[in-house]
Amino acid sequence: MFLILLTYTKPLAEVDAHVAEHMAFVRKHYASGEFVLSGRKEPRTGGVILARTASRARAEAIVAEDPFFRAAVATYEIVEFLPSNAAPELAALKEL
C-alpha cells in the first residue's frame, strides 16, 4: 500500500485549471483498482491518495501521469506502508 501526499506549489487558480483532467486521472485509477481512497487536504493545500500498487515503481509511474504533476502545480511524497491493523469495516484492506 502507498500513501501519496500531494502539496500544491502554485496558486489555487493555477491548480484549478487542471482539476477536470486530474479528476479523470483519479477515476481511471479507481476503475483499475489501484486507488482505494482519496480526497483533498483541509485547508486546501493539496491531496491524499491511498493506493494499492504492485511496487513503488508503479506508484511513481502513476504519479507521473497526474496532470497536476505534468503541469508542475504540486509536489508528491510517496510513503509505502504495510497495513497490520484496521477497523473491522476496513479489515479487508489489510489483505490487498
N, C-alpha and C. Protein backbone atom coordinates (compact mmCIF):
# COMPACT_ATOMS: atom_id res chain seq x y z
N MET A 1 0.85 -1.17 0.00
CA MET A 1 0.00 0.00 0.00
C MET A 1 0.90 1.23 0.00
N PHE A 2 0.38 2.27 -0.60
CA PHE A 2 1.12 3.53 -0.69
C PHE A 2 0.20 4.69 -0.35
N LEU A 3 0.73 5.61 0.41
CA LEU A 3 0.06 6.86 0.67
C LEU A 3 0.76 7.89 -0.20
N ILE A 4 0.00 8.53 -1.06
CA ILE A 4 0.55 9.54 -1.96
C ILE A 4 0.04 10.89 -1.47
N LEU A 5 0.97 11.74 -1.05
CA LEU A 5 0.64 13.04 -0.50
C LEU A 5 1.00 14.12 -1.51
N LEU A 6 0.01 14.89 -1.92
CA LEU A 6 0.22 15.99 -2.87
C LEU A 6 0.22 17.30 -2.10
N THR A 7 1.13 18.19 -2.46
CA THR A 7 1.17 19.53 -1.89
C THR A 7 1.23 20.52 -3.05
N TYR A 8 0.25 21.43 -3.08
CA TYR A 8 0.22 22.42 -4.15
C TYR A 8 1.40 23.38 -4.01
N THR A 9 1.99 23.71 -5.15
CA THR A 9 3.12 24.63 -5.18
C THR A 9 2.80 25.91 -5.95
N LYS A 10 1.61 25.96 -6.50
CA LYS A 10 1.17 27.13 -7.27
C LYS A 10 -0.13 27.65 -6.68
N PRO A 11 -0.52 28.87 -7.00
CA PRO A 11 -1.80 29.40 -6.52
C PRO A 11 -2.97 28.52 -6.97
N LEU A 12 -4.04 28.53 -6.17
CA LEU A 12 -5.20 27.68 -6.47
C LEU A 12 -5.78 27.95 -7.86
N ALA A 13 -5.68 29.17 -8.35
CA ALA A 13 -6.19 29.46 -9.69
C ALA A 13 -5.45 28.61 -10.73
N GLU A 14 -4.16 28.41 -10.56
CA GLU A 14 -3.40 27.56 -11.48
C GLU A 14 -3.75 26.09 -11.28
N VAL A 15 -3.91 25.67 -10.04
CA VAL A 15 -4.30 24.29 -9.74
C VAL A 15 -5.67 24.01 -10.37
N ASP A 16 -6.61 24.92 -10.16
CA ASP A 16 -7.98 24.73 -10.64
C ASP A 16 -8.06 24.54 -12.15
N ALA A 17 -7.11 25.11 -12.87
CA ALA A 17 -7.10 24.95 -14.33
C ALA A 17 -6.88 23.50 -14.74
N HIS A 18 -6.43 22.65 -13.82
CA HIS A 18 -6.12 21.25 -14.14
C HIS A 18 -7.00 20.25 -13.39
N VAL A 19 -7.97 20.75 -12.63
CA VAL A 19 -8.79 19.87 -11.79
C VAL A 19 -9.58 18.87 -12.63
N ALA A 20 -10.19 19.28 -13.71
CA ALA A 20 -11.00 18.36 -14.52
C ALA A 20 -10.15 17.20 -15.03
N GLU A 21 -8.95 17.50 -15.54
CA GLU A 21 -8.05 16.44 -16.02
C GLU A 21 -7.58 15.57 -14.86
N HIS A 22 -7.29 16.18 -13.73
CA HIS A 22 -6.86 15.42 -12.55
C HIS A 22 -7.95 14.45 -12.11
N MET A 23 -9.20 14.90 -12.12
CA MET A 23 -10.29 14.03 -11.69
C MET A 23 -10.49 12.87 -12.68
N ALA A 24 -10.27 13.09 -13.96
CA ALA A 24 -10.32 11.99 -14.93
C ALA A 24 -9.21 10.98 -14.63
N PHE A 25 -8.04 11.47 -14.30
CA PHE A 25 -6.91 10.62 -13.89
C PHE A 25 -7.28 9.80 -12.66
N VAL A 26 -7.89 10.44 -11.66
CA VAL A 26 -8.31 9.75 -10.44
C VAL A 26 -9.33 8.66 -10.76
N ARG A 27 -10.34 8.98 -11.55
CA ARG A 27 -11.37 7.99 -11.92
C ARG A 27 -10.75 6.80 -12.65
N LYS A 28 -9.79 7.04 -13.51
CA LYS A 28 -9.11 5.97 -14.24
C LYS A 28 -8.47 4.98 -13.27
N HIS A 29 -7.83 5.50 -12.24
CA HIS A 29 -7.11 4.63 -11.31
C HIS A 29 -8.04 3.97 -10.29
N TYR A 30 -9.21 4.55 -10.03
CA TYR A 30 -10.22 3.83 -9.26
C TYR A 30 -10.75 2.67 -10.10
N ALA A 31 -10.99 2.92 -11.37
CA ALA A 31 -11.51 1.87 -12.25
C ALA A 31 -10.53 0.71 -12.38
N SER A 32 -9.24 1.00 -12.33
CA SER A 32 -8.23 -0.06 -12.44
C SER A 32 -8.05 -0.81 -11.12
N GLY A 33 -8.61 -0.27 -10.03
CA GLY A 33 -8.46 -0.87 -8.72
C GLY A 33 -7.22 -0.42 -7.98
N GLU A 34 -6.46 0.51 -8.54
CA GLU A 34 -5.22 0.95 -7.91
C GLU A 34 -5.45 2.00 -6.82
N PHE A 35 -6.53 2.77 -6.90
CA PHE A 35 -6.84 3.75 -5.87
C PHE A 35 -7.92 3.20 -4.96
N VAL A 36 -7.74 3.38 -3.66
CA VAL A 36 -8.66 2.87 -2.65
C VAL A 36 -9.45 4.01 -2.00
N LEU A 37 -8.79 5.15 -1.77
CA LEU A 37 -9.39 6.28 -1.07
C LEU A 37 -8.63 7.53 -1.47
N SER A 38 -9.32 8.64 -1.60
CA SER A 38 -8.63 9.88 -1.95
C SER A 38 -9.46 11.08 -1.52
N GLY A 39 -8.80 12.23 -1.46
CA GLY A 39 -9.50 13.46 -1.15
C GLY A 39 -8.52 14.60 -1.00
N ARG A 40 -9.08 15.79 -0.86
CA ARG A 40 -8.21 16.95 -0.72
C ARG A 40 -7.93 17.22 0.75
N LYS A 41 -6.79 17.87 0.98
CA LYS A 41 -6.43 18.27 2.34
C LYS A 41 -7.31 19.45 2.76
N GLU A 42 -7.48 19.60 4.06
CA GLU A 42 -8.20 20.74 4.60
C GLU A 42 -7.32 21.39 5.65
N PRO A 43 -6.87 22.62 5.47
CA PRO A 43 -7.25 23.51 4.38
C PRO A 43 -6.72 23.00 3.04
N ARG A 44 -7.23 23.56 1.98
CA ARG A 44 -6.95 23.08 0.62
C ARG A 44 -5.52 23.43 0.19
N THR A 45 -4.61 22.58 0.60
CA THR A 45 -3.19 22.77 0.27
C THR A 45 -2.64 21.61 -0.56
N GLY A 46 -3.51 20.67 -0.91
CA GLY A 46 -3.08 19.50 -1.66
C GLY A 46 -4.08 18.38 -1.51
N GLY A 47 -3.61 17.14 -1.61
CA GLY A 47 -4.49 16.00 -1.52
C GLY A 47 -3.78 14.77 -1.00
N VAL A 48 -4.58 13.72 -0.78
CA VAL A 48 -4.10 12.46 -0.26
C VAL A 48 -4.73 11.33 -1.06
N ILE A 49 -3.93 10.35 -1.46
CA ILE A 49 -4.42 9.18 -2.18
C ILE A 49 -3.88 7.94 -1.49
N LEU A 50 -4.76 7.01 -1.19
CA LEU A 50 -4.37 5.69 -0.70
C LEU A 50 -4.41 4.76 -1.90
N ALA A 51 -3.27 4.19 -2.24
CA ALA A 51 -3.16 3.38 -3.45
C ALA A 51 -2.64 1.99 -3.13
N ARG A 52 -3.10 1.02 -3.89
CA ARG A 52 -2.56 -0.34 -3.80
C ARG A 52 -1.98 -0.67 -5.16
N THR A 53 -0.68 -0.69 -5.20
CA THR A 53 0.02 -0.99 -6.45
C THR A 53 1.05 -2.08 -6.18
N ALA A 54 1.55 -2.67 -7.22
CA ALA A 54 2.48 -3.79 -7.11
C ALA A 54 3.85 -3.38 -6.59
N SER A 55 4.20 -2.10 -6.80
CA SER A 55 5.55 -1.68 -6.43
C SER A 55 5.63 -0.16 -6.32
N ARG A 56 6.71 0.30 -5.70
CA ARG A 56 6.97 1.74 -5.65
C ARG A 56 7.13 2.29 -7.06
N ALA A 57 7.79 1.53 -7.92
CA ALA A 57 7.98 1.98 -9.30
C ALA A 57 6.63 2.24 -9.97
N ARG A 58 5.66 1.38 -9.72
CA ARG A 58 4.33 1.58 -10.30
C ARG A 58 3.68 2.82 -9.69
N ALA A 59 3.81 3.02 -8.38
CA ALA A 59 3.26 4.23 -7.75
C ALA A 59 3.89 5.48 -8.35
N GLU A 60 5.19 5.44 -8.58
CA GLU A 60 5.88 6.58 -9.20
C GLU A 60 5.40 6.81 -10.62
N ALA A 61 5.14 5.75 -11.36
CA ALA A 61 4.64 5.88 -12.73
C ALA A 61 3.24 6.49 -12.74
N ILE A 62 2.42 6.12 -11.78
CA ILE A 62 1.08 6.70 -11.67
C ILE A 62 1.18 8.19 -11.40
N VAL A 63 2.02 8.57 -10.45
CA VAL A 63 2.21 9.99 -10.14
C VAL A 63 2.63 10.75 -11.39
N ALA A 64 3.51 10.19 -12.18
CA ALA A 64 3.99 10.86 -13.39
C ALA A 64 2.89 11.11 -14.40
N GLU A 65 1.78 10.34 -14.32
CA GLU A 65 0.63 10.54 -15.22
C GLU A 65 -0.28 11.67 -14.77
N ASP A 66 -0.20 12.05 -13.50
CA ASP A 66 -1.14 13.03 -12.95
C ASP A 66 -0.98 14.38 -13.64
N PRO A 67 -2.07 14.94 -14.14
CA PRO A 67 -1.98 16.27 -14.75
C PRO A 67 -1.41 17.34 -13.81
N PHE A 68 -1.63 17.20 -12.51
CA PHE A 68 -1.03 18.15 -11.56
C PHE A 68 0.49 18.03 -11.59
N PHE A 69 1.00 16.81 -11.71
CA PHE A 69 2.45 16.60 -11.80
C PHE A 69 2.98 17.17 -13.11
N ARG A 70 2.32 16.83 -14.21
CA ARG A 70 2.79 17.29 -15.53
C ARG A 70 2.78 18.81 -15.64
N ALA A 71 1.81 19.47 -14.97
CA ALA A 71 1.73 20.93 -15.00
C ALA A 71 2.59 21.58 -13.92
N ALA A 72 3.25 20.78 -13.11
CA ALA A 72 4.13 21.26 -12.04
C ALA A 72 3.40 22.19 -11.07
N VAL A 73 2.15 21.82 -10.71
CA VAL A 73 1.41 22.60 -9.73
C VAL A 73 1.40 21.93 -8.36
N ALA A 74 2.03 20.75 -8.26
CA ALA A 74 2.08 20.04 -6.98
C ALA A 74 3.37 19.23 -6.88
N THR A 75 3.78 19.01 -5.64
CA THR A 75 4.86 18.07 -5.37
C THR A 75 4.23 16.84 -4.73
N TYR A 76 4.97 15.73 -4.72
CA TYR A 76 4.43 14.45 -4.28
C TYR A 76 5.39 13.79 -3.31
N GLU A 77 4.81 13.18 -2.27
CA GLU A 77 5.56 12.30 -1.38
C GLU A 77 4.86 10.95 -1.42
N ILE A 78 5.62 9.91 -1.67
CA ILE A 78 5.08 8.55 -1.70
C ILE A 78 5.60 7.81 -0.47
N VAL A 79 4.66 7.33 0.35
CA VAL A 79 5.00 6.62 1.58
C VAL A 79 4.49 5.19 1.45
N GLU A 80 5.39 4.23 1.46
CA GLU A 80 4.97 2.82 1.42
C GLU A 80 4.72 2.35 2.85
N PHE A 81 3.64 1.57 3.03
CA PHE A 81 3.40 1.00 4.35
C PHE A 81 2.72 -0.36 4.21
N LEU A 82 2.87 -1.15 5.25
CA LEU A 82 2.31 -2.50 5.29
C LEU A 82 1.21 -2.50 6.34
N PRO A 83 -0.07 -2.51 5.93
CA PRO A 83 -1.16 -2.46 6.89
C PRO A 83 -1.13 -3.68 7.81
N SER A 84 -1.18 -3.42 9.12
CA SER A 84 -1.20 -4.52 10.08
C SER A 84 -2.42 -4.47 10.99
N ASN A 85 -3.09 -3.33 11.05
CA ASN A 85 -4.30 -3.18 11.85
C ASN A 85 -5.30 -2.35 11.08
N ALA A 86 -6.59 -2.63 11.36
CA ALA A 86 -7.65 -1.87 10.69
C ALA A 86 -8.93 -1.98 11.50
N ALA A 87 -9.78 -0.99 11.36
CA ALA A 87 -11.13 -1.08 11.92
C ALA A 87 -11.83 -2.26 11.25
N PRO A 88 -12.78 -2.88 11.95
CA PRO A 88 -13.44 -4.08 11.36
C PRO A 88 -13.97 -3.85 9.96
N GLU A 89 -14.56 -2.69 9.70
CA GLU A 89 -15.14 -2.44 8.38
C GLU A 89 -14.07 -2.26 7.28
N LEU A 90 -12.82 -2.09 7.68
CA LEU A 90 -11.73 -1.91 6.72
C LEU A 90 -10.74 -3.08 6.74
N ALA A 91 -11.05 -4.12 7.48
CA ALA A 91 -10.11 -5.24 7.64
C ALA A 91 -9.66 -5.84 6.32
N ALA A 92 -10.52 -5.86 5.33
CA ALA A 92 -10.17 -6.44 4.03
C ALA A 92 -9.01 -5.70 3.37
N LEU A 93 -8.82 -4.45 3.72
CA LEU A 93 -7.71 -3.68 3.13
C LEU A 93 -6.36 -4.24 3.55
N LYS A 94 -6.28 -4.90 4.69
CA LYS A 94 -5.00 -5.47 5.14
C LYS A 94 -4.55 -6.58 4.21
N GLU A 95 -5.47 -7.17 3.48
CA GLU A 95 -5.15 -8.31 2.63
C GLU A 95 -4.80 -7.90 1.20
N LEU A 96 -4.89 -6.64 0.87
CA LEU A 96 -4.67 -6.20 -0.50
C LEU A 96 -3.21 -6.24 -0.86
